[in-house]
Amino acid sequence: MGVKGEKTKELIRQEAYRLFAEKGFKEVTMKDICVRTGLSRGGLYRHYSGTAEIFAEILSEEYVIADRIEKKESATEILKDMLAEIKKEIPDKENSLSLAIYEYANQGNAAFFEEIHEKAKKRWNSLIEYGMESGEFRSVNADQVTDMILYYYQGLRMWSRVVPFEEKTAEHFVQTVQEMLL
């Protein structure tokens, strides 16, 4: 696929993400995505077979840290960058996919979410272990800290749909993770 095709797919994912955040998974149609992107149905179907494929691709995107670890970047800097992204996401209920994720998971896609969860665990574990090996992080049980980070974060994202959070709630998350590791 050429550069133009990749740019079109990126546009589709960006606009579909906004629609899924606004309406949930079940309510978004390919027609909605066509309207939002300005693409014809044929143009959209050239790239994706349906909303489930688009949603799965959106959820499969991840914050890549393996390259940064391989380049021997500071574990502390990688952590701070990841936490800065999370801090922006937590209070942003308008861009939360929590409802859509719940709906999608209840349509028989539990294995898909287990795979995403395992990738997230591996990513966090690799960062924590790298930080401990480099002497930048405290010695901790990486599995326990990873579980706490993932479930704390996901709980905040889910609750942000129904409970208004102040900026300090996201800051508390960041501080908690930093205090455990740094």
Protein backbone atom coordinates (compact mmCIF):
# COMPACT_ATOMS: atom_id res chain seq x y z
CA MET A 1 0.00 0.00 0.00
CA GLY A 2 1.31 3.41 -0.94
CA VAL A 3 1.68 6.55 1.13
CA LYS A 4 -1.73 7.84 0.04
CA GLY A 5 -3.39 4.58 1.09
CA GLU A 6 -1.69 4.68 4.49
CA LYS A 7 -2.78 8.29 5.00
CA THR A 8 -6.35 7.33 4.11
CA LYS A 9 -6.29 4.44 6.59
CA GLU A 10 -4.94 6.77 9.27
CA LEU A 11 -7.77 9.25 8.57
CA ILE A 12 -10.30 6.42 8.80
CA ARG A 13 -8.88 5.23 12.14
CA GLN A 14 -8.79 8.76 13.58
CA GLU A 15 -12.36 9.58 12.63
CA ALA A 16 -13.65 6.12 13.56
CA TYR A 17 -11.95 6.47 16.96
CA ARG A 18 -13.90 9.69 17.56
CA LEU A 19 -17.14 8.05 16.50
CA PHE A 20 -16.56 4.99 18.72
CA ALA A 21 -15.78 7.30 21.64
CA GLU A 22 -18.95 9.32 21.02
CA LYS A 23 -21.41 6.52 20.24
CA GLY A 24 -19.94 3.26 21.47
CA PHE A 25 -19.16 0.32 19.21
CA LYS A 26 -22.66 -0.94 18.41
CA GLU A 27 -24.01 2.38 17.13
CA VAL A 28 -21.25 3.19 14.64
CA THR A 29 -21.88 2.18 11.04
CA MET A 30 -19.69 2.23 7.96
CA LYS A 31 -22.01 4.95 6.66
CA ASP A 32 -21.18 7.08 9.73
CA ILE A 33 -17.49 6.66 8.97
CA CYS A 34 -18.04 7.59 5.31
CA VAL A 35 -19.82 10.77 6.35
CA ARG A 36 -17.11 11.67 8.88
CA THR A 37 -14.20 10.98 6.50
CA GLY A 38 -15.78 12.16 3.27
CA LEU A 39 -15.00 8.81 1.64
CA SER A 40 -17.39 6.91 -0.60
CA ARG A 41 -18.54 3.50 0.61
CA GLY A 42 -16.33 1.90 -2.04
CA GLY A 43 -13.38 3.98 -0.89
CA LEU A 44 -13.92 2.93 2.71
CA TYR A 45 -14.46 -0.76 1.87
CA ARG A 46 -11.25 -0.70 -0.18
CA HIS A 47 -9.42 -0.40 3.16
CA TYR A 48 -11.69 -2.11 5.70
CA SER A 49 -14.38 -4.80 5.56
CA GLY A 50 -16.39 -3.42 8.47
CA THR A 51 -16.45 -1.51 11.74
CA ALA A 52 -15.11 -4.49 13.70
CA GLU A 53 -11.95 -4.58 11.59
CA ILE A 54 -11.40 -0.83 12.07
CA PHE A 55 -12.04 -1.06 15.81
CA ALA A 56 -9.69 -4.03 16.22
CA GLU A 57 -6.95 -2.15 14.38
CA ILE A 58 -7.44 0.93 16.56
CA LEU A 59 -7.18 -1.17 19.71
CA SER A 60 -4.12 -2.98 18.40
CA GLU A 61 -2.12 0.23 18.12
CA GLU A 62 0.20 0.51 21.04
CA TYR A 63 2.78 2.73 22.56
CA VAL A 64 6.03 1.23 21.28
CA ILE A 65 8.88 1.13 23.75
CA ALA A 66 10.97 -1.81 22.52
CA ASP A 67 12.88 0.43 20.09
CA ARG A 68 13.59 2.94 22.84
CA ILE A 69 14.86 0.21 25.18
CA GLU A 70 17.00 -1.24 22.41
CA LYS A 71 18.54 2.22 21.86
CA LYS A 72 19.32 2.29 25.60
CA GLU A 73 17.22 5.40 26.22
CA SER A 74 16.63 6.30 29.83
CA ALA A 75 13.99 4.10 31.46
CA THR A 76 12.92 7.12 33.49
CA GLU A 77 12.35 9.18 30.35
CA ILE A 78 10.38 6.38 28.69
CA LEU A 79 8.24 6.06 31.83
CA LYS A 80 7.66 9.81 32.01
CA ASP A 81 6.61 9.91 28.35
CA MET A 82 4.18 7.02 28.85
CA LEU A 83 2.73 8.59 31.99
CA ALA A 84 2.35 11.96 30.25
CA GLU A 85 0.20 10.29 27.58
CA ILE A 86 -1.85 8.47 30.20
CA LYS A 87 -2.29 11.66 32.22
CA LYS A 88 -3.85 13.33 29.16
CA GLU A 89 -6.14 10.35 28.50
CA ILE A 90 -7.58 9.81 31.98
CA PRO A 91 -9.80 12.91 32.26
CA ASP A 92 -10.68 12.96 28.55
CA LYS A 93 -14.04 11.20 28.67
CA GLU A 94 -14.96 12.49 25.23
CA ASN A 95 -12.19 10.37 23.74
CA SER A 96 -12.64 7.31 25.92
CA LEU A 97 -13.30 4.02 24.16
CA SER A 98 -14.43 2.36 27.40
CA LEU A 99 -18.07 1.95 26.36
CA ALA A 100 -17.11 0.75 22.88
CA ILE A 101 -14.60 -1.71 24.32
CA TYR A 102 -17.22 -3.13 26.68
CA GLU A 103 -19.71 -3.53 23.81
CA TYR A 104 -17.12 -5.08 21.50
CA ALA A 105 -15.93 -7.50 24.17
CA ASN A 106 -19.49 -8.67 24.80
CA GLN A 107 -19.82 -9.69 21.16
CA GLY A 108 -17.54 -12.67 21.66
CA ASN A 109 -14.20 -10.91 21.35
CA ALA A 110 -12.77 -11.78 24.76
CA ALA A 111 -9.74 -13.57 23.26
CA PHE A 112 -8.83 -10.41 21.36
CA PHE A 113 -8.80 -8.41 24.59
CA GLU A 114 -6.76 -11.06 26.36
CA GLU A 115 -4.17 -10.70 23.60
CA ILE A 116 -4.12 -6.89 23.92
CA HIS A 117 -3.86 -7.19 27.69
CA GLU A 118 -0.94 -9.62 27.41
CA LYS A 119 0.88 -7.25 25.04
CA ALA A 120 0.37 -4.38 27.49
CA LYS A 121 1.66 -6.54 30.35
CA LYS A 122 4.76 -7.49 28.36
CA ARG A 123 5.38 -3.85 27.43
CA TRP A 124 5.12 -2.64 31.04
CA ASN A 125 7.10 -5.61 32.40
CA SER A 126 9.89 -5.01 29.90
CA LEU A 127 10.11 -1.34 30.88
CA ILE A 128 10.09 -2.10 34.60
CA GLU A 129 12.72 -4.83 34.26
CA TYR A 130 14.84 -2.57 32.03
CA GLY A 131 14.57 0.23 34.60
CA MET A 132 15.61 -2.09 37.43
CA GLU A 133 18.54 -3.48 35.40
CA SER A 134 19.76 0.03 34.58
CA GLY A 135 19.46 1.04 38.24
CA GLU A 136 16.92 3.78 37.49
CA PHE A 137 13.95 2.00 39.10
CA ARG A 138 13.52 0.54 42.54
CA SER A 139 13.58 -3.21 42.92
CA VAL A 140 9.93 -4.28 42.71
CA ASN A 141 7.86 -7.27 41.69
CA ALA A 142 7.35 -6.32 38.03
CA ASP A 143 4.22 -8.47 37.62
CA GLN A 144 2.52 -6.90 40.65
CA VAL A 145 3.36 -3.36 39.61
CA THR A 146 2.27 -4.04 36.03
CA ASP A 147 -1.10 -5.37 37.22
CA MET A 148 -1.59 -2.34 39.44
CA ILE A 149 -0.74 0.08 36.62
CA LEU A 150 -2.98 -1.60 34.06
CA TYR A 151 -6.02 -2.10 36.29
CA TYR A 152 -5.73 1.29 37.98
CA TYR A 153 -5.50 2.98 34.59
CA GLN A 154 -8.34 0.99 33.02
CA GLY A 155 -10.55 1.62 36.05
CA LEU A 156 -9.94 5.34 35.79
CA ARG A 157 -10.69 5.31 32.06
CA MET A 158 -13.94 3.40 32.59
CA TRP A 159 -15.09 5.61 35.45
CA SER A 160 -14.18 8.77 33.56
CA ARG A 161 -17.22 8.06 31.35
CA VAL A 162 -19.58 8.57 34.30
CA VAL A 163 -17.68 10.42 37.03
CA PRO A 164 -16.11 13.80 36.33
CA PHE A 165 -12.46 13.73 37.34
CA GLU A 166 -10.40 16.69 38.35
CA GLU A 167 -6.89 17.11 36.98
CA LYS A 168 -5.53 15.91 40.30
CA THR A 169 -6.99 12.42 39.78
CA ALA A 170 -4.74 11.88 36.76
CA GLU A 171 -1.86 13.44 38.67
CA HIS A 172 -2.43 10.98 41.54
CA PHE A 173 -2.10 8.08 39.12
CA VAL A 174 1.18 9.45 37.74
CA GLN A 175 2.55 10.15 41.22
CA THR A 176 1.61 6.67 42.46
CA VAL A 177 3.42 4.96 39.59
CA GLN A 178 6.46 7.20 39.94
CA GLU A 179 6.64 6.64 43.71
CA MET A 180 6.55 2.88 43.19
CA LEU A 181 9.30 2.87 40.59
CA LEU A 182 11.57 5.90 41.03
